[in-house]
Amino acid sequence: MRRPHRSPARCRAVLWVMMACLVAFTTAPAAAIAEMVRVTGRAVLEANDIPGSRRRALEDALYLAAMKGGADIDAFSAVDMGVLTADSILLRASTRIVDFAVVDEFRGQSQYEVTIDAYVGERPELGCAARPDLALTVGVPKLSTTQQLPHWMGDALKMAHDRTIDVLRGAANVRLSDSTISLEAKPEVQSRIADGFDYQSLLTGQAVRQVSGTLPRNARGLHLSWSAQSASARAERVVVTLEARIVDPAAPARTRNLKLQKTVTLTPDTPWRALNVVASKDWDSTANDLSRTFGDSLATWLEQSACAPLMANLAAAGTGRYRVDLGIRDGLTRQSLAFVDGGQSAWTVLRVVELAASSAIVAPMNPARAPSRLTGTLVRFNDGR
């Protein structure tokens, strides 16, 4: 059988398509996330047009920066009456330049060079990819009950607290450490009378836990406040309220609060109730019920807090410099970038110029293109990579 004849023009067209597919594959970006690149653009130096030479060198640098982020390549052939008349390759950058800054310029004898740092790609999605765990110091809980409740309710709340903390230790991206620190906004005066002579111990049979120490400035704390109340001493339903608060001494504005409530049903007011109290059945079932319900809700809340977008308002810190209440403990690095996008402010990218445990100083990547006043503007950081 005679093989079909393929004209040289058709072979060349197929070859161009294969080459285009190969180049497109090798030049495509490895991941759909923005990145910082440094490139140098060059242009022929024209003595009569130095500004024009500089502009063309800058354009070359911007083109190279865009190509660093990947390229889309299309190949096609022009055929006229079965005869190949032209082969073409269309090369287009697949990423966009978010912002750039000129870091160096050089004027040589025959060419002008401009080196830039450019941020190319799409706006990154924020998440927990490169974030440290949310480290929390668990403070002494606050337990409150009313006179209408059974005398064992205080112990049941304490048991529910301990079991809830055990549940929270399994939360993703969260790390808890125990302490004897009080995280109350206005700590109550604690009794210094020895155990056995404390008024509280005379009522409940257990002395008040002594509180010591304070939360370090760059640490975060978790405070749980438990309270229970009922309509009467014979009521079979008790409303338990849990207020959770993430305390942040270094950034008070980043304090987070959550309030949960649950109605607990007690044993009916019969002789069996007295037996259940003696056997601690009501204590145990109430504590289990509360810790199971509150623990799951709190774990979800803490996980969301650990992975919350890194957002902060800019505070003035000198000419062209701004402070944010985010730092190393939040996952910021020297490579992190902050975005101002939308609202009354133009699109601007800021880089980290100083970095501390719980704060950072940022400055516009390109001051010439940034708005004159950014104080109070809300910015979002990338994930720190």
Protein backbone atom coordinates (compact mmCIF):
# COMPACT_ATOMS: atom_id res chain seq x y z
CA MET A 1 0.00 0.00 0.00
CA ARG A 2 1.31 3.41 -0.91
CA ARG A 3 1.96 5.70 2.02
CA PRO A 4 0.09 9.04 1.94
CA HIS A 5 2.28 11.87 0.77
CA ARG A 6 2.91 14.67 3.31
CA SER A 7 4.06 17.96 1.91
CA PRO A 8 7.02 19.74 3.55
CA ALA A 9 4.69 22.61 4.44
CA ARG A 10 2.35 20.32 6.36
CA CYS A 11 5.24 18.64 8.16
CA ARG A 12 6.60 22.00 9.20
CA ALA A 13 3.18 23.07 10.52
CA VAL A 14 2.88 19.90 12.60
CA LEU A 15 6.39 20.43 13.89
CA TRP A 16 5.55 23.99 15.00
CA VAL A 17 2.49 22.77 16.87
CA MET A 18 4.50 20.07 18.65
CA MET A 19 7.17 22.59 19.61
CA ALA A 20 4.56 25.01 20.86
CA CYS A 21 2.97 22.36 23.07
CA LEU A 22 6.36 21.41 24.47
CA VAL A 23 7.39 25.01 25.19
CA ALA A 24 3.99 25.83 26.70
CA PHE A 25 4.35 22.85 29.01
CA THR A 26 7.86 23.76 30.12
CA THR A 27 7.15 27.47 30.61
CA ALA A 28 3.83 27.13 32.43
CA PRO A 29 3.97 28.25 36.05
CA ALA A 30 4.47 25.46 38.58
CA ALA A 31 1.65 26.72 40.78
CA ALA A 32 -1.08 29.31 40.48
CA ILE A 33 0.40 31.51 43.14
CA ALA A 34 2.14 34.86 42.83
CA GLU A 35 5.87 35.18 43.37
CA MET A 36 8.60 37.78 43.59
CA VAL A 37 11.16 37.84 40.77
CA ARG A 38 14.25 39.99 40.09
CA VAL A 39 15.10 40.68 36.47
CA THR A 40 17.30 43.08 34.48
CA GLY A 41 16.06 44.76 31.31
CA ARG A 42 18.39 46.17 28.68
CA ALA A 43 18.09 48.61 25.80
CA VAL A 44 20.45 50.15 23.28
CA LEU A 45 21.73 53.44 24.64
CA GLU A 46 20.88 56.39 22.47
CA ALA A 47 22.85 59.42 23.52
CA ASN A 48 20.20 61.83 22.20
CA ASP A 49 17.38 60.07 24.12
CA ILE A 50 18.50 58.90 27.55
CA PRO A 51 14.95 58.94 29.00
CA GLY A 52 13.75 56.88 26.05
CA SER A 53 16.57 54.36 26.52
CA ARG A 54 15.65 54.03 30.19
CA ARG A 55 11.98 53.54 29.35
CA ARG A 56 12.74 50.81 26.83
CA ALA A 57 15.04 49.07 29.33
CA LEU A 58 12.26 49.22 31.95
CA GLU A 59 9.77 47.82 29.45
CA ASP A 60 12.18 44.99 28.71
CA ALA A 61 12.49 44.26 32.45
CA LEU A 62 8.71 44.22 32.87
CA TYR A 63 8.38 41.86 29.92
CA LEU A 64 10.99 39.50 31.36
CA ALA A 65 9.29 39.61 34.76
CA ALA A 66 5.96 38.64 33.24
CA MET A 67 7.60 35.83 31.30
CA LYS A 68 9.21 34.55 34.50
CA GLY A 69 5.75 33.74 35.76
CA GLY A 70 4.92 31.60 32.74
CA ALA A 71 3.87 32.03 29.13
CA ASP A 72 1.16 30.91 26.74
CA ILE A 73 2.44 30.01 23.29
CA ASP A 74 0.33 29.59 20.17
CA ALA A 75 1.70 28.38 16.84
CA PHE A 76 -0.06 28.57 13.50
CA SER A 77 0.71 28.37 9.82
CA ALA A 78 -0.63 30.42 6.94
CA VAL A 79 -1.48 28.36 3.87
CA ASP A 80 -2.51 29.74 0.50
CA MET A 81 -3.85 27.30 -2.08
CA GLY A 82 -2.15 24.41 -0.31
CA VAL A 83 1.17 26.22 -0.17
CA LEU A 84 2.70 27.23 3.16
CA THR A 85 3.29 30.96 3.12
CA ALA A 86 4.27 31.71 6.73
CA ASP A 87 4.94 30.16 10.11
CA SER A 88 4.15 32.17 13.23
CA ILE A 89 4.55 31.79 16.96
CA LEU A 90 2.57 34.04 19.31
CA LEU A 91 4.18 34.33 22.74
CA ARG A 92 2.06 35.85 25.52
CA ALA A 93 2.73 36.17 29.24
CA SER A 94 0.23 34.10 31.26
CA THR A 95 0.73 36.19 34.40
CA ARG A 96 0.36 39.84 35.21
CA ILE A 97 2.63 42.20 37.08
CA VAL A 98 0.94 43.17 40.31
CA ASP A 99 3.57 45.75 41.25
CA PHE A 100 7.27 46.43 40.84
CA ALA A 101 10.14 48.51 42.19
CA VAL A 102 13.34 49.65 40.48
CA VAL A 103 16.29 48.43 42.57
CA ASP A 104 19.20 49.38 40.31
CA GLU A 105 20.04 51.27 37.11
CA PHE A 106 23.25 51.20 35.06
CA ARG A 107 24.25 53.37 32.14
CA GLY A 108 26.96 51.75 30.10
CA GLN A 109 28.71 52.81 26.92
CA SER A 110 26.32 51.04 24.59
CA GLN A 111 23.31 50.03 26.66
CA TYR A 112 21.07 51.07 29.55
CA GLU A 113 20.14 48.49 32.23
CA VAL A 114 17.28 48.58 34.71
CA THR A 115 16.91 45.93 37.45
CA ILE A 116 13.53 45.54 39.12
CA ASP A 117 11.84 43.44 41.80
CA ALA A 118 8.42 42.48 40.47
CA TYR A 119 5.50 40.62 41.99
CA VAL A 120 3.91 38.57 39.21
CA GLY A 121 0.96 36.22 39.15
CA GLU A 122 -2.49 36.25 40.58
CA ARG A 123 -3.52 37.43 44.01
CA PRO A 124 -2.72 34.48 46.30
CA GLU A 125 -5.36 32.68 48.30
CA LEU A 126 -4.77 33.08 52.01
CA GLY A 127 -4.75 30.03 54.24
CA CYS A 128 -2.74 27.85 56.61
CA ALA A 129 -0.19 26.50 54.13
CA ALA A 130 2.78 28.15 55.82
CA ARG A 131 1.28 29.35 59.08
CA PRO A 132 2.52 28.38 62.55
CA ASP A 133 0.16 26.77 65.05
CA LEU A 134 -2.03 29.06 67.14
CA ALA A 135 -0.31 28.77 70.54
CA LEU A 136 -2.63 29.53 73.46
CA THR A 137 -2.00 29.60 77.20
CA VAL A 138 -5.09 28.30 79.00
CA GLY A 139 -5.93 30.47 81.99
CA VAL A 140 -7.77 29.59 85.19
CA PRO A 141 -11.48 29.30 84.33
CA LYS A 142 -14.16 31.42 85.94
CA LEU A 143 -16.99 29.29 87.40
CA SER A 144 -20.25 30.94 88.49
CA THR A 145 -23.40 29.33 89.87
CA THR A 146 -26.55 30.59 91.62
CA GLN A 147 -28.03 29.58 94.97
CA GLN A 148 -30.96 27.84 93.27
CA LEU A 149 -28.68 25.22 91.71
CA PRO A 150 -27.61 21.93 93.32
CA HIS A 151 -24.44 22.38 95.33
CA TRP A 152 -22.56 19.99 93.03
CA MET A 153 -23.05 22.18 89.94
CA GLY A 154 -19.79 24.04 90.56
CA ASP A 155 -17.85 20.77 90.53
CA ALA A 156 -19.70 19.69 87.38
CA LEU A 157 -18.67 22.89 85.62
CA LYS A 158 -15.05 22.38 86.64
CA MET A 159 -15.21 18.80 85.34
CA ALA A 160 -16.79 20.05 82.09
CA HIS A 161 -14.01 22.63 81.72
CA ASP A 162 -11.24 20.04 82.09
CA ARG A 163 -12.90 17.69 79.62
CA THR A 164 -13.52 20.53 77.15
CA ILE A 165 -9.81 21.43 77.21
CA ASP A 166 -9.03 17.78 76.44
CA VAL A 167 -11.29 18.04 73.38
CA LEU A 168 -9.57 21.24 72.26
CA ARG A 169 -6.15 19.58 72.32
CA GLY A 170 -7.24 17.67 69.23
CA ALA A 171 -8.04 20.81 67.22
CA ALA A 172 -5.98 21.25 64.06
CA ASN A 173 -3.34 24.02 63.96
CA VAL A 174 -3.89 24.79 67.65
CA ARG A 175 -1.48 24.19 70.52
CA LEU A 176 -2.59 24.58 74.17
CA SER A 177 -0.52 24.87 77.34
CA ASP A 178 -1.85 24.86 80.90
CA SER A 179 -1.16 27.62 83.41
CA THR A 180 -2.31 29.06 86.75
CA ILE A 181 -2.67 32.54 85.24
CA SER A 182 -5.90 34.49 85.53
CA LEU A 183 -6.92 36.03 82.21
CA GLU A 184 -9.87 37.96 83.58
CA ALA A 185 -10.02 41.55 82.33
CA LYS A 186 -10.58 42.65 85.95
CA PRO A 187 -9.35 39.83 88.20
CA GLU A 188 -11.24 39.36 91.41
CA VAL A 189 -9.35 39.60 94.69
CA GLN A 190 -8.22 36.10 95.58
CA SER A 191 -8.26 34.79 99.12
CA ARG A 192 -4.86 34.18 100.71
CA ILE A 193 -6.28 32.26 103.66
CA ALA A 194 -4.90 28.74 103.97
CA ASP A 195 -6.96 25.83 102.66
CA GLY A 196 -9.48 24.64 105.22
CA PHE A 197 -10.15 28.15 106.50
CA ASP A 198 -11.24 29.72 103.22
CA TYR A 199 -14.90 30.77 103.21
CA GLN A 200 -15.35 29.23 99.78
CA SER A 201 -13.89 25.94 101.00
CA LEU A 202 -16.32 25.90 103.93
CA LEU A 203 -19.24 26.14 101.47
CA THR A 204 -18.04 23.75 98.78
CA GLY A 205 -15.43 21.63 100.48
CA GLN A 206 -12.75 22.82 98.04
CA ALA A 207 -10.35 25.75 98.39
CA VAL A 208 -10.05 28.45 95.74
CA ARG A 209 -7.21 27.76 93.33
CA GLN A 210 -4.42 30.27 93.84
CA VAL A 211 -3.60 32.38 90.81
CA SER A 212 -0.07 33.38 89.93
CA GLY A 213 1.88 34.97 87.08
CA THR A 214 0.88 37.08 84.12
CA LEU A 215 0.59 36.38 80.41
CA PRO A 216 3.75 37.37 78.47
CA ARG A 217 3.21 40.25 76.05
CA ASN A 218 3.86 38.22 72.89
CA ALA A 219 1.78 35.25 74.04
CA ARG A 220 -1.91 34.60 73.51
CA GLY A 221 -4.23 33.21 76.13
CA LEU A 222 -7.53 31.34 76.16
CA HIS A 223 -9.99 32.27 78.91
CA LEU A 224 -13.19 30.28 79.52
CA SER A 225 -15.93 31.67 81.75
CA TRP A 226 -18.63 29.20 82.82
CA SER A 227 -21.96 30.14 84.42
CA ALA A 228 -25.10 28.19 85.27
CA GLN A 229 -28.54 29.33 86.38
CA SER A 230 -32.04 27.93 86.83
CA ALA A 231 -35.49 29.28 87.65
CA SER A 232 -35.74 27.56 91.04
CA ALA A 233 -34.10 25.03 93.32
CA ARG A 234 -36.52 22.32 92.08
CA ALA A 235 -36.08 23.13 88.39
CA GLU A 236 -35.15 20.25 86.15
CA ARG A 237 -33.49 22.47 83.53
CA VAL A 238 -30.28 24.45 83.93
CA VAL A 239 -29.00 26.99 81.41
CA VAL A 240 -25.21 26.84 81.11
CA THR A 241 -23.37 29.69 79.38
CA LEU A 242 -19.78 29.48 78.18
CA GLU A 243 -17.92 32.63 77.14
CA ALA A 244 -14.59 32.06 75.43
CA ARG A 245 -12.04 34.79 74.79
CA ILE A 246 -8.68 34.77 73.02
CA VAL A 247 -6.54 37.29 74.92
CA ASP A 248 -3.77 39.08 73.00
CA PRO A 249 -1.79 41.64 75.09
CA ALA A 250 0.37 42.69 72.12
CA ALA A 251 -2.62 43.32 69.86
CA PRO A 252 -5.80 44.03 71.88
CA ALA A 253 -7.74 44.72 68.69
CA ARG A 254 -7.23 41.08 67.68
CA THR A 255 -9.05 39.75 70.74
CA ARG A 256 -11.77 37.28 69.72
CA ASN A 257 -14.89 36.29 71.65
CA LEU A 258 -17.41 33.49 71.43
CA LYS A 259 -20.54 32.86 73.51
CA LEU A 260 -22.28 29.49 73.69
CA GLN A 261 -25.34 28.32 75.63
CA LYS A 262 -26.86 24.94 76.38
CA THR A 263 -29.83 23.76 78.44
CA VAL A 264 -29.06 20.74 80.60
CA THR A 265 -31.83 18.47 81.89
CA LEU A 266 -31.36 17.14 85.44
CA THR A 267 -32.86 14.09 87.12
CA PRO A 268 -36.50 14.79 88.12
CA ASP A 269 -37.06 15.95 91.71
CA THR A 270 -37.73 12.46 93.15
CA PRO A 271 -35.94 10.22 95.66
CA TRP A 272 -33.90 8.96 92.70
CA ARG A 273 -32.45 12.46 92.31
CA ALA A 274 -30.87 12.32 95.76
CA LEU A 275 -29.41 8.90 94.96
CA ASN A 276 -27.98 10.14 91.63
CA VAL A 277 -26.35 13.10 93.35
CA VAL A 278 -24.69 10.86 95.92
CA ALA A 279 -23.51 8.50 93.17
CA SER A 280 -22.23 11.47 91.08
CA LYS A 281 -24.40 10.39 88.15
CA ASP A 282 -25.71 13.89 87.52
CA TRP A 283 -22.21 15.36 87.87
CA ASP A 284 -20.70 13.05 85.29
CA SER A 285 -23.54 13.14 82.75
CA THR A 286 -23.77 16.94 82.94
CA ALA A 287 -20.02 17.37 82.47
CA ASN A 288 -19.97 14.94 79.53
CA ASP A 289 -22.92 16.63 77.87
CA LEU A 290 -21.39 20.09 78.20
CA SER A 291 -17.87 19.14 77.14
CA ARG A 292 -19.08 17.22 74.11
CA THR A 293 -21.27 20.07 72.83
CA PHE A 294 -19.08 23.01 73.78
CA GLY A 295 -15.83 21.23 72.92
CA ASP A 296 -16.78 20.62 69.28
CA SER A 297 -17.98 24.21 68.79
CA LEU A 298 -14.88 25.67 70.44
CA ALA A 299 -12.54 23.44 68.42
CA THR A 300 -14.08 24.64 65.17
CA TRP A 301 -13.83 28.26 66.36
CA LEU A 302 -10.16 27.90 67.29
CA GLU A 303 -9.31 26.20 63.99
CA GLN A 304 -10.95 29.07 62.12
CA SER A 305 -9.01 31.56 64.24
CA ALA A 306 -5.74 29.78 63.46
CA CYS A 307 -6.40 29.98 59.71
CA ALA A 308 -8.11 33.37 59.58
CA PRO A 309 -6.84 35.68 56.79
CA LEU A 310 -3.96 37.86 57.93
CA MET A 311 -5.59 41.28 57.89
CA ALA A 312 -4.65 44.46 59.75
CA ASN A 313 -5.09 48.21 59.64
CA LEU A 314 -2.06 50.33 58.83
CA ALA A 315 -0.80 52.68 61.53
CA ALA A 316 1.62 55.50 60.67
CA ALA A 317 5.25 54.69 61.55
CA GLY A 318 7.18 57.46 59.83
CA THR A 319 7.33 58.78 56.29
CA GLY A 320 6.17 56.08 53.90
CA ARG A 321 6.20 53.45 56.66
CA TYR A 322 3.33 51.75 58.46
CA ARG A 323 2.94 49.41 61.43
CA VAL A 324 0.69 46.34 61.62
CA ASP A 325 -0.14 44.16 64.63
CA LEU A 326 1.01 40.99 62.87
CA GLY A 327 4.40 39.36 63.13
CA ILE A 328 6.47 36.20 63.17
CA ARG A 329 4.02 34.38 65.45
CA ASP A 330 1.33 34.94 62.79
CA GLY A 331 3.46 33.52 60.00
CA LEU A 332 4.86 36.71 58.47
CA THR A 333 8.32 36.55 56.91
CA ARG A 334 10.54 39.03 55.09
CA GLN A 335 9.02 37.72 51.85
CA SER A 336 5.43 38.44 52.92
CA LEU A 337 3.55 41.09 50.96
CA ALA A 338 0.52 43.13 52.00
CA PHE A 339 -2.19 44.11 49.53
CA VAL A 340 -4.39 47.17 49.46
CA ASP A 341 -7.11 46.51 46.93
CA GLY A 342 -10.37 48.29 46.36
CA GLY A 343 -12.26 50.84 48.41
CA GLN A 344 -10.97 54.39 48.25
CA SER A 345 -7.33 53.32 47.93
CA ALA A 346 -5.63 52.35 44.69
CA TRP A 347 -4.15 48.88 44.27
CA THR A 348 -0.89 48.90 46.22
CA VAL A 349 1.57 46.26 47.38
CA LEU A 350 3.62 46.71 50.56
CA ARG A 351 6.70 44.75 51.59
CA VAL A 352 7.95 43.95 55.09
CA VAL A 353 10.94 46.10 56.05
CA GLU A 354 11.06 45.30 59.78
CA LEU A 355 9.76 42.20 61.52
CA ALA A 356 9.16 41.39 65.20
CA ALA A 357 7.31 38.67 67.11
CA SER A 358 3.92 40.37 67.10
CA SER A 359 4.35 43.39 64.80
CA ALA A 360 5.88 44.46 61.51
CA ILE A 361 6.78 47.64 59.65
CA VAL A 362 5.75 47.71 56.01
CA ALA A 363 6.36 50.16 53.19
CA PRO A 364 4.96 50.50 49.65
CA MET A 365 6.92 48.47 47.15
CA ASN A 366 6.81 51.37 44.73
CA PRO A 367 6.37 54.66 46.67
CA ALA A 368 5.93 56.63 43.46
CA ARG A 369 2.74 54.73 42.61
CA ALA A 370 1.31 54.39 46.14
CA PRO A 371 -1.38 56.74 47.50
CA SER A 372 -0.01 59.61 49.58
CA ARG A 373 -1.92 58.50 52.69
CA LEU A 374 -2.56 54.88 53.70
CA THR A 375 -3.02 55.27 57.47
CA GLY A 376 -6.03 53.29 58.64
CA THR A 377 -6.26 51.29 55.41
CA LEU A 378 -7.01 47.59 55.75
CA VAL A 379 -4.40 45.32 54.18
CA ARG A 380 -4.26 41.58 53.56
CA PHE A 381 -1.04 39.57 53.65
CA ASN A 382 -0.10 36.61 51.52
CA ASP A 383 0.63 33.30 53.27
CA GLY A 384 4.25 34.18 54.01
CA ARG A 385 6.00 32.10 51.36
